[in-house]
Amino acid sequence: MFGGGGGLDPSKMQQMMKQMGIDIDELDAEEVIIRTSDEELVFSDADVQRMDAQGQETYNIVGEPERRDPGSTTVSDDGADDSNDGIPQDDIELVAERAGASEDAAREALEATDGDLAAAVTQLK
């Protein structure tokens, strides 16, 4: 398309892209997750670029994903990894401590009480 056979000088390429209204930024991404109905693709330490072409943003991800079953990991609003059916680990530990029970028993009680901490403790006592 551009001819020359040897490729373009990166600075010339950036200049041309700028003239066409295309901006590219490198993002310092720690993790990228793509969820589909069949699987989750988790990219750790991926190279991510954001390209803005006339107001339309496009993301380019370069890396090798880890494949997971959908829903095997959820991320809470605070960014913590909650792999306990949506029940925060802090809640499980609190119920286990207050009831003098194991974390597994606390998790089951929280699931049975729809996450109600007081009801879970009462159930275990």
N, C-alpha and C. Protein backbone atom coordinates (compact mmCIF):
# COMPACT_ATOMS: atom_id res chain seq x y z
N MET A 1 0.81 -1.18 0.00
CA MET A 1 0.00 0.00 0.00
C MET A 1 0.86 1.26 0.00
N PHE A 2 1.91 1.27 0.82
CA PHE A 2 2.76 2.44 0.88
C PHE A 2 3.99 2.33 -0.02
N GLY A 3 4.28 1.12 -0.47
CA GLY A 3 5.43 0.92 -1.35
C GLY A 3 6.74 1.03 -0.60
N GLY A 4 7.83 0.96 -1.28
CA GLY A 4 9.14 1.13 -0.66
C GLY A 4 9.75 -0.17 -0.20
N GLY A 5 8.95 -1.18 0.13
CA GLY A 5 9.46 -2.49 0.47
C GLY A 5 10.12 -2.59 1.83
N GLY A 6 10.74 -1.54 2.36
CA GLY A 6 11.46 -1.64 3.62
C GLY A 6 10.65 -1.19 4.82
N GLY A 7 9.40 -0.82 4.65
CA GLY A 7 8.60 -0.34 5.76
C GLY A 7 8.80 1.14 5.95
N LEU A 8 8.02 1.70 6.85
CA LEU A 8 8.08 3.13 7.09
C LEU A 8 8.81 3.42 8.39
N ASP A 9 9.45 4.55 8.42
CA ASP A 9 10.07 5.07 9.62
C ASP A 9 8.94 5.30 10.64
N PRO A 10 9.07 4.81 11.89
CA PRO A 10 8.00 4.96 12.87
C PRO A 10 7.57 6.41 13.09
N SER A 11 8.51 7.35 13.05
CA SER A 11 8.13 8.75 13.24
C SER A 11 7.30 9.26 12.06
N LYS A 12 7.64 8.80 10.84
CA LYS A 12 6.85 9.17 9.66
C LYS A 12 5.45 8.56 9.73
N MET A 13 5.40 7.33 10.22
CA MET A 13 4.10 6.65 10.35
C MET A 13 3.22 7.41 11.33
N GLN A 14 3.79 7.85 12.46
CA GLN A 14 3.02 8.60 13.45
C GLN A 14 2.55 9.93 12.86
N GLN A 15 3.42 10.58 12.11
CA GLN A 15 3.06 11.85 11.50
C GLN A 15 1.90 11.66 10.52
N MET A 16 1.95 10.60 9.72
CA MET A 16 0.88 10.32 8.77
C MET A 16 -0.44 10.03 9.50
N MET A 17 -0.34 9.25 10.56
CA MET A 17 -1.54 8.90 11.31
C MET A 17 -2.16 10.15 11.96
N LYS A 18 -1.32 11.02 12.47
CA LYS A 18 -1.80 12.27 13.07
C LYS A 18 -2.51 13.12 12.03
N GLN A 19 -1.96 13.18 10.81
CA GLN A 19 -2.59 13.93 9.73
C GLN A 19 -3.96 13.36 9.38
N MET A 20 -4.12 12.04 9.55
CA MET A 20 -5.40 11.40 9.25
C MET A 20 -6.34 11.44 10.46
N GLY A 21 -5.89 12.07 11.55
CA GLY A 21 -6.75 12.18 12.73
C GLY A 21 -6.75 10.94 13.60
N ILE A 22 -5.69 10.18 13.57
CA ILE A 22 -5.59 8.94 14.35
C ILE A 22 -4.54 9.12 15.44
N ASP A 23 -4.96 8.92 16.71
CA ASP A 23 -4.05 8.98 17.84
C ASP A 23 -3.95 7.59 18.46
N ILE A 24 -2.72 7.19 18.82
CA ILE A 24 -2.51 5.90 19.48
C ILE A 24 -1.81 6.13 20.81
N ASP A 25 -2.36 5.54 21.87
CA ASP A 25 -1.78 5.62 23.20
C ASP A 25 -1.53 4.22 23.72
N GLU A 26 -0.38 4.04 24.37
CA GLU A 26 -0.09 2.79 25.06
C GLU A 26 -0.74 2.88 26.44
N LEU A 27 -1.46 1.83 26.83
CA LEU A 27 -2.08 1.79 28.14
C LEU A 27 -1.26 0.88 29.06
N ASP A 28 -1.13 1.28 30.29
CA ASP A 28 -0.40 0.48 31.28
C ASP A 28 -1.40 -0.47 31.94
N ALA A 29 -1.91 -1.44 31.19
CA ALA A 29 -2.93 -2.36 31.67
C ALA A 29 -2.29 -3.47 32.51
N GLU A 30 -2.91 -3.77 33.64
CA GLU A 30 -2.45 -4.86 34.49
C GLU A 30 -3.12 -6.16 34.10
N GLU A 31 -4.39 -6.07 33.67
CA GLU A 31 -5.14 -7.27 33.29
C GLU A 31 -6.28 -6.86 32.38
N VAL A 32 -6.56 -7.70 31.39
CA VAL A 32 -7.68 -7.48 30.48
C VAL A 32 -8.50 -8.76 30.49
N ILE A 33 -9.82 -8.62 30.71
CA ILE A 33 -10.70 -9.79 30.73
C ILE A 33 -11.76 -9.61 29.65
N ILE A 34 -11.89 -10.62 28.81
CA ILE A 34 -12.95 -10.64 27.80
C ILE A 34 -13.87 -11.80 28.18
N ARG A 35 -15.14 -11.47 28.47
CA ARG A 35 -16.11 -12.49 28.86
C ARG A 35 -17.06 -12.77 27.71
N THR A 36 -17.20 -14.05 27.39
CA THR A 36 -18.21 -14.47 26.43
C THR A 36 -19.13 -15.44 27.17
N SER A 37 -20.17 -15.91 26.52
CA SER A 37 -21.06 -16.87 27.17
C SER A 37 -20.38 -18.21 27.39
N ASP A 38 -19.32 -18.51 26.64
CA ASP A 38 -18.64 -19.79 26.73
C ASP A 38 -17.39 -19.80 27.59
N GLU A 39 -16.70 -18.65 27.67
CA GLU A 39 -15.43 -18.63 28.39
C GLU A 39 -15.02 -17.22 28.74
N GLU A 40 -13.98 -17.13 29.57
CA GLU A 40 -13.34 -15.87 29.88
C GLU A 40 -11.91 -15.95 29.38
N LEU A 41 -11.47 -14.92 28.69
CA LEU A 41 -10.08 -14.81 28.25
C LEU A 41 -9.43 -13.76 29.13
N VAL A 42 -8.43 -14.17 29.90
CA VAL A 42 -7.78 -13.28 30.85
C VAL A 42 -6.35 -13.04 30.39
N PHE A 43 -6.05 -11.79 30.05
CA PHE A 43 -4.72 -11.39 29.61
C PHE A 43 -4.03 -10.71 30.78
N SER A 44 -2.96 -11.31 31.29
CA SER A 44 -2.16 -10.67 32.33
C SER A 44 -0.92 -10.10 31.68
N ASP A 45 -0.54 -8.91 32.06
CA ASP A 45 0.63 -8.23 31.51
C ASP A 45 0.56 -8.13 29.98
N ALA A 46 -0.61 -7.80 29.47
CA ALA A 46 -0.76 -7.66 28.02
C ALA A 46 -0.32 -6.27 27.58
N ASP A 47 0.11 -6.16 26.34
CA ASP A 47 0.39 -4.86 25.73
C ASP A 47 -0.93 -4.37 25.13
N VAL A 48 -1.38 -3.21 25.59
CA VAL A 48 -2.67 -2.68 25.14
C VAL A 48 -2.46 -1.30 24.55
N GLN A 49 -3.03 -1.10 23.35
CA GLN A 49 -3.00 0.19 22.69
C GLN A 49 -4.43 0.66 22.47
N ARG A 50 -4.65 1.95 22.68
CA ARG A 50 -5.95 2.56 22.38
C ARG A 50 -5.75 3.46 21.17
N MET A 51 -6.54 3.22 20.14
CA MET A 51 -6.45 4.04 18.94
C MET A 51 -7.75 4.83 18.81
N ASP A 52 -7.61 6.14 18.67
CA ASP A 52 -8.76 7.02 18.50
C ASP A 52 -8.70 7.54 17.08
N ALA A 53 -9.65 7.09 16.28
CA ALA A 53 -9.72 7.53 14.88
C ALA A 53 -11.04 8.25 14.68
N GLN A 54 -10.98 9.57 14.65
CA GLN A 54 -12.14 10.42 14.41
C GLN A 54 -13.27 10.12 15.40
N GLY A 55 -12.89 9.99 16.68
CA GLY A 55 -13.88 9.79 17.73
C GLY A 55 -14.25 8.36 18.02
N GLN A 56 -13.79 7.43 17.21
CA GLN A 56 -14.08 6.01 17.42
C GLN A 56 -12.87 5.35 18.07
N GLU A 57 -13.04 4.83 19.31
CA GLU A 57 -11.93 4.19 20.01
C GLU A 57 -11.88 2.70 19.67
N THR A 58 -10.66 2.23 19.41
CA THR A 58 -10.40 0.83 19.15
C THR A 58 -9.26 0.40 20.04
N TYR A 59 -9.37 -0.79 20.63
CA TYR A 59 -8.33 -1.31 21.51
C TYR A 59 -7.66 -2.50 20.87
N ASN A 60 -6.33 -2.52 20.97
CA ASN A 60 -5.53 -3.62 20.44
C ASN A 60 -4.84 -4.29 21.63
N ILE A 61 -5.05 -5.60 21.80
CA ILE A 61 -4.48 -6.35 22.92
C ILE A 61 -3.52 -7.38 22.36
N VAL A 62 -2.28 -7.36 22.85
CA VAL A 62 -1.29 -8.32 22.42
C VAL A 62 -0.83 -9.11 23.63
N GLY A 63 -1.00 -10.41 23.59
CA GLY A 63 -0.60 -11.26 24.70
C GLY A 63 -1.26 -12.63 24.58
N GLU A 64 -0.90 -13.51 25.47
CA GLU A 64 -1.45 -14.87 25.47
C GLU A 64 -2.46 -14.99 26.61
N PRO A 65 -3.74 -15.24 26.29
CA PRO A 65 -4.74 -15.29 27.36
C PRO A 65 -4.77 -16.63 28.08
N GLU A 66 -5.21 -16.56 29.34
CA GLU A 66 -5.55 -17.76 30.09
C GLU A 66 -7.04 -17.96 29.88
N ARG A 67 -7.45 -19.18 29.56
CA ARG A 67 -8.86 -19.45 29.33
C ARG A 67 -9.48 -19.98 30.61
N ARG A 68 -10.65 -19.44 30.97
CA ARG A 68 -11.37 -19.87 32.18
C ARG A 68 -12.83 -20.11 31.83
N ASP A 69 -13.48 -20.94 32.65
CA ASP A 69 -14.92 -21.12 32.51
C ASP A 69 -15.60 -19.82 32.91
N PRO A 70 -16.71 -19.47 32.29
CA PRO A 70 -17.39 -18.23 32.65
C PRO A 70 -17.87 -18.28 34.09
N GLY A 71 -17.72 -17.17 34.80
CA GLY A 71 -18.19 -17.09 36.17
C GLY A 71 -17.29 -17.73 37.20
N SER A 72 -16.14 -18.27 36.79
CA SER A 72 -15.25 -18.91 37.76
C SER A 72 -14.58 -17.89 38.64
N THR A 73 -14.53 -16.64 38.19
CA THR A 73 -13.96 -15.56 38.98
C THR A 73 -14.82 -14.34 38.78
N THR A 74 -15.15 -13.68 39.89
CA THR A 74 -15.85 -12.41 39.80
C THR A 74 -15.00 -11.37 40.49
N VAL A 75 -15.13 -10.16 40.04
CA VAL A 75 -14.36 -9.08 40.63
C VAL A 75 -15.35 -8.12 41.27
N SER A 76 -15.16 -7.84 42.55
CA SER A 76 -16.06 -6.94 43.26
C SER A 76 -15.79 -5.50 42.87
N ASP A 77 -16.66 -4.61 43.32
CA ASP A 77 -16.53 -3.19 43.00
C ASP A 77 -15.21 -2.61 43.46
N ASP A 78 -14.63 -3.17 44.54
CA ASP A 78 -13.36 -2.64 45.04
C ASP A 78 -12.16 -3.28 44.36
N GLY A 79 -12.42 -4.13 43.34
CA GLY A 79 -11.33 -4.75 42.59
C GLY A 79 -10.82 -6.03 43.20
N ALA A 80 -11.38 -6.45 44.35
CA ALA A 80 -10.94 -7.68 44.99
C ALA A 80 -11.52 -8.88 44.26
N ASP A 81 -10.79 -9.94 44.25
CA ASP A 81 -11.20 -11.17 43.59
C ASP A 81 -12.08 -11.96 44.56
N ASP A 82 -13.35 -12.12 44.22
CA ASP A 82 -14.29 -12.85 45.06
C ASP A 82 -14.67 -14.14 44.35
N SER A 83 -13.97 -15.23 44.64
CA SER A 83 -14.22 -16.50 43.97
C SER A 83 -15.13 -17.38 44.79
N ASN A 84 -15.99 -16.81 45.61
CA ASN A 84 -16.84 -17.57 46.51
C ASN A 84 -18.30 -17.34 46.19
N ASP A 85 -18.71 -17.58 44.95
CA ASP A 85 -20.09 -17.41 44.54
C ASP A 85 -20.61 -16.00 44.83
N GLY A 86 -19.75 -14.99 44.71
CA GLY A 86 -20.16 -13.62 44.93
C GLY A 86 -20.16 -13.19 46.38
N ILE A 87 -19.82 -14.08 47.30
CA ILE A 87 -19.76 -13.74 48.72
C ILE A 87 -18.36 -13.26 49.04
N PRO A 88 -18.22 -12.04 49.55
CA PRO A 88 -16.88 -11.52 49.85
C PRO A 88 -16.15 -12.35 50.90
N GLN A 89 -14.87 -12.56 50.69
CA GLN A 89 -14.05 -13.33 51.61
C GLN A 89 -14.08 -12.73 53.01
N ASP A 90 -14.14 -11.41 53.11
CA ASP A 90 -14.20 -10.75 54.42
C ASP A 90 -15.45 -11.18 55.19
N ASP A 91 -16.59 -11.32 54.49
CA ASP A 91 -17.82 -11.76 55.15
C ASP A 91 -17.70 -13.19 55.64
N ILE A 92 -17.09 -14.05 54.83
CA ILE A 92 -16.91 -15.45 55.22
C ILE A 92 -16.05 -15.53 56.47
N GLU A 93 -14.95 -14.79 56.50
CA GLU A 93 -14.05 -14.81 57.65
C GLU A 93 -14.73 -14.27 58.89
N LEU A 94 -15.52 -13.21 58.75
CA LEU A 94 -16.21 -12.61 59.88
C LEU A 94 -17.22 -13.59 60.48
N VAL A 95 -18.03 -14.23 59.63
CA VAL A 95 -19.02 -15.20 60.12
C VAL A 95 -18.33 -16.39 60.76
N ALA A 96 -17.26 -16.88 60.16
CA ALA A 96 -16.53 -18.02 60.73
C ALA A 96 -16.00 -17.67 62.11
N GLU A 97 -15.44 -16.46 62.24
CA GLU A 97 -14.88 -16.03 63.53
C GLU A 97 -15.96 -15.87 64.58
N ARG A 98 -17.06 -15.18 64.24
CA ARG A 98 -18.13 -14.91 65.20
C ARG A 98 -18.85 -16.19 65.63
N ALA A 99 -18.98 -17.15 64.70
CA ALA A 99 -19.73 -18.37 65.01
C ALA A 99 -18.81 -19.49 65.51
N GLY A 100 -17.50 -19.27 65.42
CA GLY A 100 -16.56 -20.32 65.81
C GLY A 100 -16.65 -21.52 64.87
N ALA A 101 -16.84 -21.24 63.59
CA ALA A 101 -17.02 -22.30 62.60
C ALA A 101 -15.93 -22.21 61.54
N SER A 102 -15.88 -23.22 60.69
CA SER A 102 -14.92 -23.22 59.58
C SER A 102 -15.38 -22.24 58.51
N GLU A 103 -14.47 -21.87 57.64
CA GLU A 103 -14.83 -20.97 56.53
C GLU A 103 -15.81 -21.65 55.57
N ASP A 104 -15.65 -22.96 55.38
CA ASP A 104 -16.59 -23.67 54.50
C ASP A 104 -18.01 -23.62 55.07
N ALA A 105 -18.13 -23.85 56.38
CA ALA A 105 -19.45 -23.79 57.02
C ALA A 105 -20.01 -22.37 56.95
N ALA A 106 -19.15 -21.38 57.16
CA ALA A 106 -19.58 -19.99 57.08
C ALA A 106 -20.06 -19.65 55.68
N ARG A 107 -19.34 -20.11 54.66
CA ARG A 107 -19.74 -19.86 53.27
C ARG A 107 -21.12 -20.47 53.00
N GLU A 108 -21.31 -21.72 53.45
CA GLU A 108 -22.60 -22.39 53.23
C GLU A 108 -23.73 -21.64 53.94
N ALA A 109 -23.48 -21.19 55.17
CA ALA A 109 -24.50 -20.44 55.90
C ALA A 109 -24.82 -19.12 55.21
N LEU A 110 -23.81 -18.44 54.71
CA LEU A 110 -24.04 -17.19 53.99
C LEU A 110 -24.82 -17.43 52.70
N GLU A 111 -24.52 -18.51 52.01
CA GLU A 111 -25.27 -18.84 50.79
C GLU A 111 -26.73 -19.14 51.13
N ALA A 112 -26.95 -19.86 52.23
CA ALA A 112 -28.31 -20.24 52.63
C ALA A 112 -29.12 -19.03 53.09
N THR A 113 -28.44 -18.01 53.60
CA THR A 113 -29.14 -16.81 54.10
C THR A 113 -29.02 -15.63 53.15
N ASP A 114 -28.65 -15.90 51.92
CA ASP A 114 -28.50 -14.85 50.89
C ASP A 114 -27.57 -13.73 51.33
N GLY A 115 -26.48 -14.10 52.03
CA GLY A 115 -25.46 -13.13 52.42
C GLY A 115 -25.75 -12.36 53.69
N ASP A 116 -26.82 -12.72 54.41
CA ASP A 116 -27.18 -12.04 55.66
C ASP A 116 -26.21 -12.49 56.76
N LEU A 117 -25.32 -11.59 57.18
CA LEU A 117 -24.27 -11.94 58.14
C LEU A 117 -24.86 -12.41 59.47
N ALA A 118 -25.78 -11.65 60.03
CA ALA A 118 -26.34 -11.99 61.34
C ALA A 118 -27.08 -13.32 61.28
N ALA A 119 -27.86 -13.53 60.24
CA ALA A 119 -28.60 -14.78 60.11
C ALA A 119 -27.65 -15.97 59.95
N ALA A 120 -26.55 -15.76 59.24
CA ALA A 120 -25.58 -16.84 59.04
C ALA A 120 -24.92 -17.21 60.36
N VAL A 121 -24.56 -16.20 61.16
CA VAL A 121 -23.94 -16.48 62.47
C VAL A 121 -24.93 -17.22 63.36
N THR A 122 -26.18 -16.75 63.39
CA THR A 122 -27.23 -17.38 64.20
C THR A 122 -27.43 -18.83 63.77
N GLN A 123 -27.44 -19.07 62.48
CA GLN A 123 -27.65 -20.42 61.95
C GLN A 123 -26.54 -21.36 62.40
N LEU A 124 -25.31 -20.86 62.50
CA LEU A 124 -24.17 -21.71 62.84
C LEU A 124 -24.01 -21.94 64.34
N LYS A 125 -24.65 -21.11 65.16
CA LYS A 125 -24.51 -21.26 66.63
C LYS A 125 -25.44 -22.29 67.17
